[in-house]
Amino acid sequence: MEAKIDNFSCWIKDVNPESLKRDFEQMLIASGFGLLNCMEHHFSPQGYTCLWLLSESHFAIHTFPEEQKTYIELSSCNSDMYDKFLILLKEYERKKQKHDIS
């Protein structure tokens, strides 16, 4: 096996910890990733970080509620799962954008 890591990061608008955790965990599972563990921390007075340890590397969420944005990052050694996740992320962003416009 070739030593290769695909990496993707971007900013999104959702800052709600509950929906972020739910939605991204569903996307990781639907992409085929093996979820080994999940660790999260709620900062005071605001902010949230969540990290999934995957069989294929890791996924992280860091919210910045004061700026109404969240940074997400996926690192993966499985290109097929990585590509599936990016497709699901585009669908997620389209749904969120449509919801924001309505």
N, C-alpha and C. Protein backbone atom coordinates (compact mmCIF):
# COMPACT_ATOMS: atom_id res chain seq x y z
N MET A 1 0.84 -1.17 0.00
CA MET A 1 0.00 0.00 0.00
C MET A 1 0.89 1.24 0.00
N GLU A 2 0.51 2.20 -0.82
CA GLU A 2 1.24 3.47 -0.91
C GLU A 2 0.89 4.36 0.29
N ALA A 3 1.88 5.00 0.85
CA ALA A 3 1.66 5.96 1.94
C ALA A 3 1.15 7.26 1.34
N LYS A 4 -0.16 7.51 1.47
CA LYS A 4 -0.78 8.68 0.87
C LYS A 4 -1.93 9.14 1.76
N ILE A 5 -2.00 10.43 2.00
CA ILE A 5 -3.10 11.01 2.78
C ILE A 5 -3.76 12.10 1.95
N ASP A 6 -5.08 11.95 1.74
CA ASP A 6 -5.88 13.02 1.14
C ASP A 6 -6.32 13.92 2.28
N ASN A 7 -6.30 15.24 2.04
CA ASN A 7 -6.68 16.19 3.06
C ASN A 7 -7.58 17.25 2.47
N PHE A 8 -8.68 17.54 3.17
CA PHE A 8 -9.61 18.57 2.73
C PHE A 8 -9.99 19.40 3.95
N SER A 9 -10.07 20.71 3.76
CA SER A 9 -10.55 21.59 4.82
C SER A 9 -11.32 22.75 4.19
N CYS A 10 -12.27 23.27 4.96
CA CYS A 10 -13.04 24.43 4.50
C CYS A 10 -13.80 25.03 5.66
N TRP A 11 -14.41 26.17 5.41
CA TRP A 11 -15.26 26.86 6.37
C TRP A 11 -16.71 26.64 5.97
N ILE A 12 -17.57 26.41 6.96
CA ILE A 12 -19.01 26.31 6.73
C ILE A 12 -19.71 27.26 7.69
N LYS A 13 -21.02 27.47 7.47
CA LYS A 13 -21.75 28.45 8.27
C LYS A 13 -22.41 27.89 9.53
N ASP A 14 -22.73 26.63 9.59
CA ASP A 14 -23.41 26.05 10.75
C ASP A 14 -22.48 26.07 11.96
N VAL A 15 -22.96 26.55 13.11
CA VAL A 15 -22.16 26.55 14.33
C VAL A 15 -22.85 25.81 15.48
N ASN A 16 -23.95 25.13 15.18
CA ASN A 16 -24.70 24.41 16.20
C ASN A 16 -24.04 23.07 16.49
N PRO A 17 -23.50 22.87 17.71
CA PRO A 17 -22.77 21.63 18.02
C PRO A 17 -23.58 20.35 17.77
N GLU A 18 -24.86 20.36 18.14
CA GLU A 18 -25.68 19.15 18.00
C GLU A 18 -25.86 18.76 16.54
N SER A 19 -26.22 19.73 15.70
CA SER A 19 -26.44 19.40 14.29
C SER A 19 -25.12 19.09 13.59
N LEU A 20 -24.06 19.79 13.96
CA LEU A 20 -22.75 19.50 13.35
C LEU A 20 -22.33 18.07 13.64
N LYS A 21 -22.41 17.68 14.91
CA LYS A 21 -22.00 16.32 15.28
C LYS A 21 -22.87 15.28 14.57
N ARG A 22 -24.17 15.46 14.61
CA ARG A 22 -25.10 14.52 13.98
C ARG A 22 -24.87 14.43 12.48
N ASP A 23 -24.84 15.57 11.81
CA ASP A 23 -24.73 15.58 10.35
C ASP A 23 -23.40 15.02 9.86
N PHE A 24 -22.31 15.43 10.50
CA PHE A 24 -21.01 14.96 10.03
C PHE A 24 -20.74 13.51 10.39
N GLU A 25 -21.25 13.06 11.53
CA GLU A 25 -21.10 11.64 11.85
C GLU A 25 -21.86 10.78 10.83
N GLN A 26 -23.06 11.22 10.44
CA GLN A 26 -23.82 10.50 9.41
C GLN A 26 -23.07 10.48 8.09
N MET A 27 -22.45 11.59 7.71
CA MET A 27 -21.69 11.64 6.46
C MET A 27 -20.47 10.72 6.51
N LEU A 28 -19.79 10.69 7.64
CA LEU A 28 -18.62 9.81 7.78
C LEU A 28 -19.03 8.35 7.64
N ILE A 29 -20.13 7.97 8.30
CA ILE A 29 -20.62 6.59 8.22
C ILE A 29 -21.06 6.27 6.80
N ALA A 30 -21.82 7.17 6.17
CA ALA A 30 -22.30 6.95 4.81
C ALA A 30 -21.16 6.85 3.81
N SER A 31 -20.04 7.48 4.11
CA SER A 31 -18.87 7.41 3.23
C SER A 31 -18.09 6.11 3.42
N GLY A 32 -18.40 5.39 4.49
CA GLY A 32 -17.75 4.11 4.73
C GLY A 32 -16.62 4.14 5.75
N PHE A 33 -16.37 5.29 6.35
CA PHE A 33 -15.29 5.39 7.33
C PHE A 33 -15.59 4.55 8.56
N GLY A 34 -14.54 3.99 9.14
CA GLY A 34 -14.66 3.27 10.39
C GLY A 34 -14.45 4.23 11.55
N LEU A 35 -15.51 4.47 12.34
CA LEU A 35 -15.43 5.38 13.47
C LEU A 35 -14.88 4.62 14.68
N LEU A 36 -13.68 4.99 15.10
CA LEU A 36 -13.05 4.34 16.25
C LEU A 36 -13.40 5.03 17.56
N ASN A 37 -13.46 6.36 17.52
CA ASN A 37 -13.75 7.12 18.73
C ASN A 37 -14.14 8.54 18.35
N CYS A 38 -14.86 9.18 19.25
CA CYS A 38 -15.25 10.58 19.06
C CYS A 38 -15.01 11.30 20.38
N MET A 39 -14.36 12.44 20.29
CA MET A 39 -14.11 13.26 21.48
C MET A 39 -14.58 14.67 21.17
N GLU A 40 -15.27 15.29 22.14
CA GLU A 40 -15.77 16.64 21.93
C GLU A 40 -15.56 17.49 23.17
N HIS A 41 -15.51 18.81 22.94
CA HIS A 41 -15.35 19.74 24.04
C HIS A 41 -16.15 21.00 23.75
N HIS A 42 -16.94 21.41 24.73
CA HIS A 42 -17.70 22.67 24.66
C HIS A 42 -16.93 23.70 25.46
N PHE A 43 -16.54 24.79 24.80
CA PHE A 43 -15.79 25.85 25.46
C PHE A 43 -16.74 26.83 26.14
N SER A 44 -16.26 27.50 27.17
CA SER A 44 -17.04 28.51 27.86
C SER A 44 -16.40 29.87 27.59
N PRO A 45 -17.14 30.86 27.16
CA PRO A 45 -18.59 30.91 27.09
C PRO A 45 -19.16 30.34 25.79
N GLN A 46 -18.33 30.12 24.78
CA GLN A 46 -18.85 29.60 23.51
C GLN A 46 -17.73 28.90 22.75
N GLY A 47 -18.13 28.09 21.79
CA GLY A 47 -17.18 27.37 20.97
C GLY A 47 -17.28 25.87 21.19
N TYR A 48 -16.91 25.13 20.18
CA TYR A 48 -17.06 23.67 20.20
C TYR A 48 -16.00 23.06 19.31
N THR A 49 -15.40 21.98 19.78
CA THR A 49 -14.46 21.20 18.99
C THR A 49 -14.86 19.74 19.10
N CYS A 50 -14.84 19.06 17.97
CA CYS A 50 -15.16 17.64 17.94
C CYS A 50 -14.17 16.97 17.01
N LEU A 51 -13.66 15.82 17.45
CA LEU A 51 -12.67 15.08 16.67
C LEU A 51 -13.06 13.61 16.62
N TRP A 52 -13.12 13.06 15.40
CA TRP A 52 -13.36 11.64 15.21
C TRP A 52 -12.04 10.98 14.83
N LEU A 53 -11.70 9.95 15.55
CA LEU A 53 -10.59 9.10 15.16
C LEU A 53 -11.18 8.03 14.24
N LEU A 54 -10.69 7.98 13.02
CA LEU A 54 -11.20 7.04 12.02
C LEU A 54 -10.19 5.93 11.77
N SER A 55 -10.67 4.80 11.33
CA SER A 55 -9.76 3.72 10.91
C SER A 55 -8.85 4.22 9.81
N GLU A 56 -9.33 5.21 9.07
CA GLU A 56 -8.63 5.73 7.90
C GLU A 56 -8.00 7.10 8.15
N SER A 57 -7.94 7.58 9.35
CA SER A 57 -7.28 8.81 9.80
C SER A 57 -8.18 9.60 10.74
N HIS A 58 -8.60 10.86 10.40
CA HIS A 58 -9.37 11.65 11.35
C HIS A 58 -10.21 12.73 10.66
N PHE A 59 -11.20 13.23 11.42
CA PHE A 59 -12.06 14.33 10.98
C PHE A 59 -12.25 15.27 12.17
N ALA A 60 -12.17 16.58 11.94
CA ALA A 60 -12.29 17.55 13.02
C ALA A 60 -13.23 18.70 12.66
N ILE A 61 -13.89 19.21 13.70
CA ILE A 61 -14.78 20.37 13.62
C ILE A 61 -14.32 21.37 14.68
N HIS A 62 -14.22 22.64 14.31
CA HIS A 62 -13.89 23.70 15.26
C HIS A 62 -14.82 24.88 14.98
N THR A 63 -15.70 25.21 15.93
CA THR A 63 -16.64 26.32 15.70
C THR A 63 -16.06 27.65 16.19
N PHE A 64 -16.48 28.70 15.52
CA PHE A 64 -16.16 30.08 15.90
C PHE A 64 -17.48 30.85 15.89
N PRO A 65 -18.32 30.64 16.93
CA PRO A 65 -19.66 31.23 16.95
C PRO A 65 -19.67 32.75 16.86
N GLU A 66 -18.63 33.37 17.40
CA GLU A 66 -18.57 34.83 17.35
C GLU A 66 -18.47 35.36 15.92
N GLU A 67 -18.04 34.50 15.00
CA GLU A 67 -17.96 34.86 13.58
C GLU A 67 -18.94 34.07 12.72
N GLN A 68 -19.78 33.27 13.37
CA GLN A 68 -20.79 32.45 12.70
C GLN A 68 -20.17 31.55 11.62
N LYS A 69 -19.07 30.86 11.97
CA LYS A 69 -18.45 29.94 11.02
C LYS A 69 -17.77 28.79 11.75
N THR A 70 -17.59 27.71 11.02
CA THR A 70 -16.97 26.49 11.55
C THR A 70 -15.94 25.99 10.55
N TYR A 71 -14.81 25.58 11.06
CA TYR A 71 -13.74 25.01 10.25
C TYR A 71 -13.85 23.49 10.35
N ILE A 72 -13.83 22.82 9.20
CA ILE A 72 -13.83 21.36 9.20
C ILE A 72 -12.61 20.86 8.45
N GLU A 73 -12.12 19.69 8.86
CA GLU A 73 -10.95 19.11 8.20
C GLU A 73 -11.05 17.59 8.21
N LEU A 74 -10.81 17.00 7.05
CA LEU A 74 -10.77 15.55 6.90
C LEU A 74 -9.42 15.14 6.36
N SER A 75 -8.80 14.17 7.02
CA SER A 75 -7.59 13.53 6.51
C SER A 75 -7.91 12.05 6.37
N SER A 76 -7.56 11.47 5.21
CA SER A 76 -7.92 10.08 4.95
C SER A 76 -6.90 9.39 4.08
N CYS A 77 -6.61 8.14 4.41
CA CYS A 77 -5.73 7.32 3.57
C CYS A 77 -6.54 6.47 2.60
N ASN A 78 -7.87 6.63 2.59
CA ASN A 78 -8.73 5.89 1.67
C ASN A 78 -9.38 6.88 0.70
N SER A 79 -8.89 6.91 -0.52
CA SER A 79 -9.36 7.89 -1.51
C SER A 79 -10.83 7.70 -1.88
N ASP A 80 -11.31 6.45 -1.92
CA ASP A 80 -12.71 6.22 -2.27
C ASP A 80 -13.65 6.81 -1.22
N MET A 81 -13.36 6.54 0.04
CA MET A 81 -14.18 7.09 1.12
C MET A 81 -14.08 8.61 1.16
N TYR A 82 -12.89 9.11 0.96
CA TYR A 82 -12.64 10.55 0.92
C TYR A 82 -13.50 11.20 -0.17
N ASP A 83 -13.49 10.62 -1.37
CA ASP A 83 -14.28 11.16 -2.49
C ASP A 83 -15.78 11.11 -2.19
N LYS A 84 -16.25 10.01 -1.58
CA LYS A 84 -17.67 9.90 -1.21
C LYS A 84 -18.04 10.99 -0.21
N PHE A 85 -17.16 11.22 0.76
CA PHE A 85 -17.42 12.26 1.75
C PHE A 85 -17.56 13.63 1.09
N LEU A 86 -16.68 13.95 0.14
CA LEU A 86 -16.74 15.25 -0.53
C LEU A 86 -18.04 15.43 -1.31
N ILE A 87 -18.53 14.35 -1.90
CA ILE A 87 -19.83 14.41 -2.60
C ILE A 87 -20.95 14.70 -1.60
N LEU A 88 -20.93 14.00 -0.48
CA LEU A 88 -21.94 14.23 0.55
C LEU A 88 -21.84 15.63 1.14
N LEU A 89 -20.63 16.14 1.27
CA LEU A 89 -20.44 17.49 1.77
C LEU A 89 -21.05 18.53 0.83
N LYS A 90 -20.90 18.32 -0.47
CA LYS A 90 -21.53 19.24 -1.44
C LYS A 90 -23.04 19.23 -1.30
N GLU A 91 -23.63 18.03 -1.12
CA GLU A 91 -25.08 17.92 -0.92
C GLU A 91 -25.49 18.64 0.37
N TYR A 92 -24.72 18.45 1.42
CA TYR A 92 -24.97 19.10 2.72
C TYR A 92 -24.96 20.62 2.55
N GLU A 93 -23.96 21.13 1.86
CA GLU A 93 -23.85 22.58 1.67
C GLU A 93 -25.00 23.12 0.83
N ARG A 94 -25.42 22.37 -0.21
CA ARG A 94 -26.57 22.80 -1.02
C ARG A 94 -27.84 22.86 -0.18
N LYS A 95 -28.06 21.85 0.65
CA LYS A 95 -29.24 21.84 1.51
C LYS A 95 -29.21 22.99 2.51
N LYS A 96 -28.06 23.24 3.10
CA LYS A 96 -27.94 24.33 4.07
C LYS A 96 -28.16 25.68 3.40
N GLN A 97 -27.61 25.84 2.19
CA GLN A 97 -27.76 27.09 1.46
C GLN A 97 -29.23 27.31 1.07
N LYS A 98 -29.88 26.26 0.63
CA LYS A 98 -31.29 26.36 0.26
C LYS A 98 -32.12 26.71 1.49
N HIS A 99 -31.81 26.11 2.63
CA HIS A 99 -32.52 26.39 3.87
C HIS A 99 -32.30 27.84 4.30
N ASP A 100 -31.09 28.37 4.13
CA ASP A 100 -30.78 29.74 4.53
C ASP A 100 -31.51 30.76 3.66
N ILE A 101 -31.73 30.41 2.39
CA ILE A 101 -32.39 31.33 1.46
C ILE A 101 -33.89 31.37 1.71
N SER A 102 -34.47 30.22 2.07
CA SER A 102 -35.92 30.12 2.26
C SER A 102 -36.42 30.96 3.41
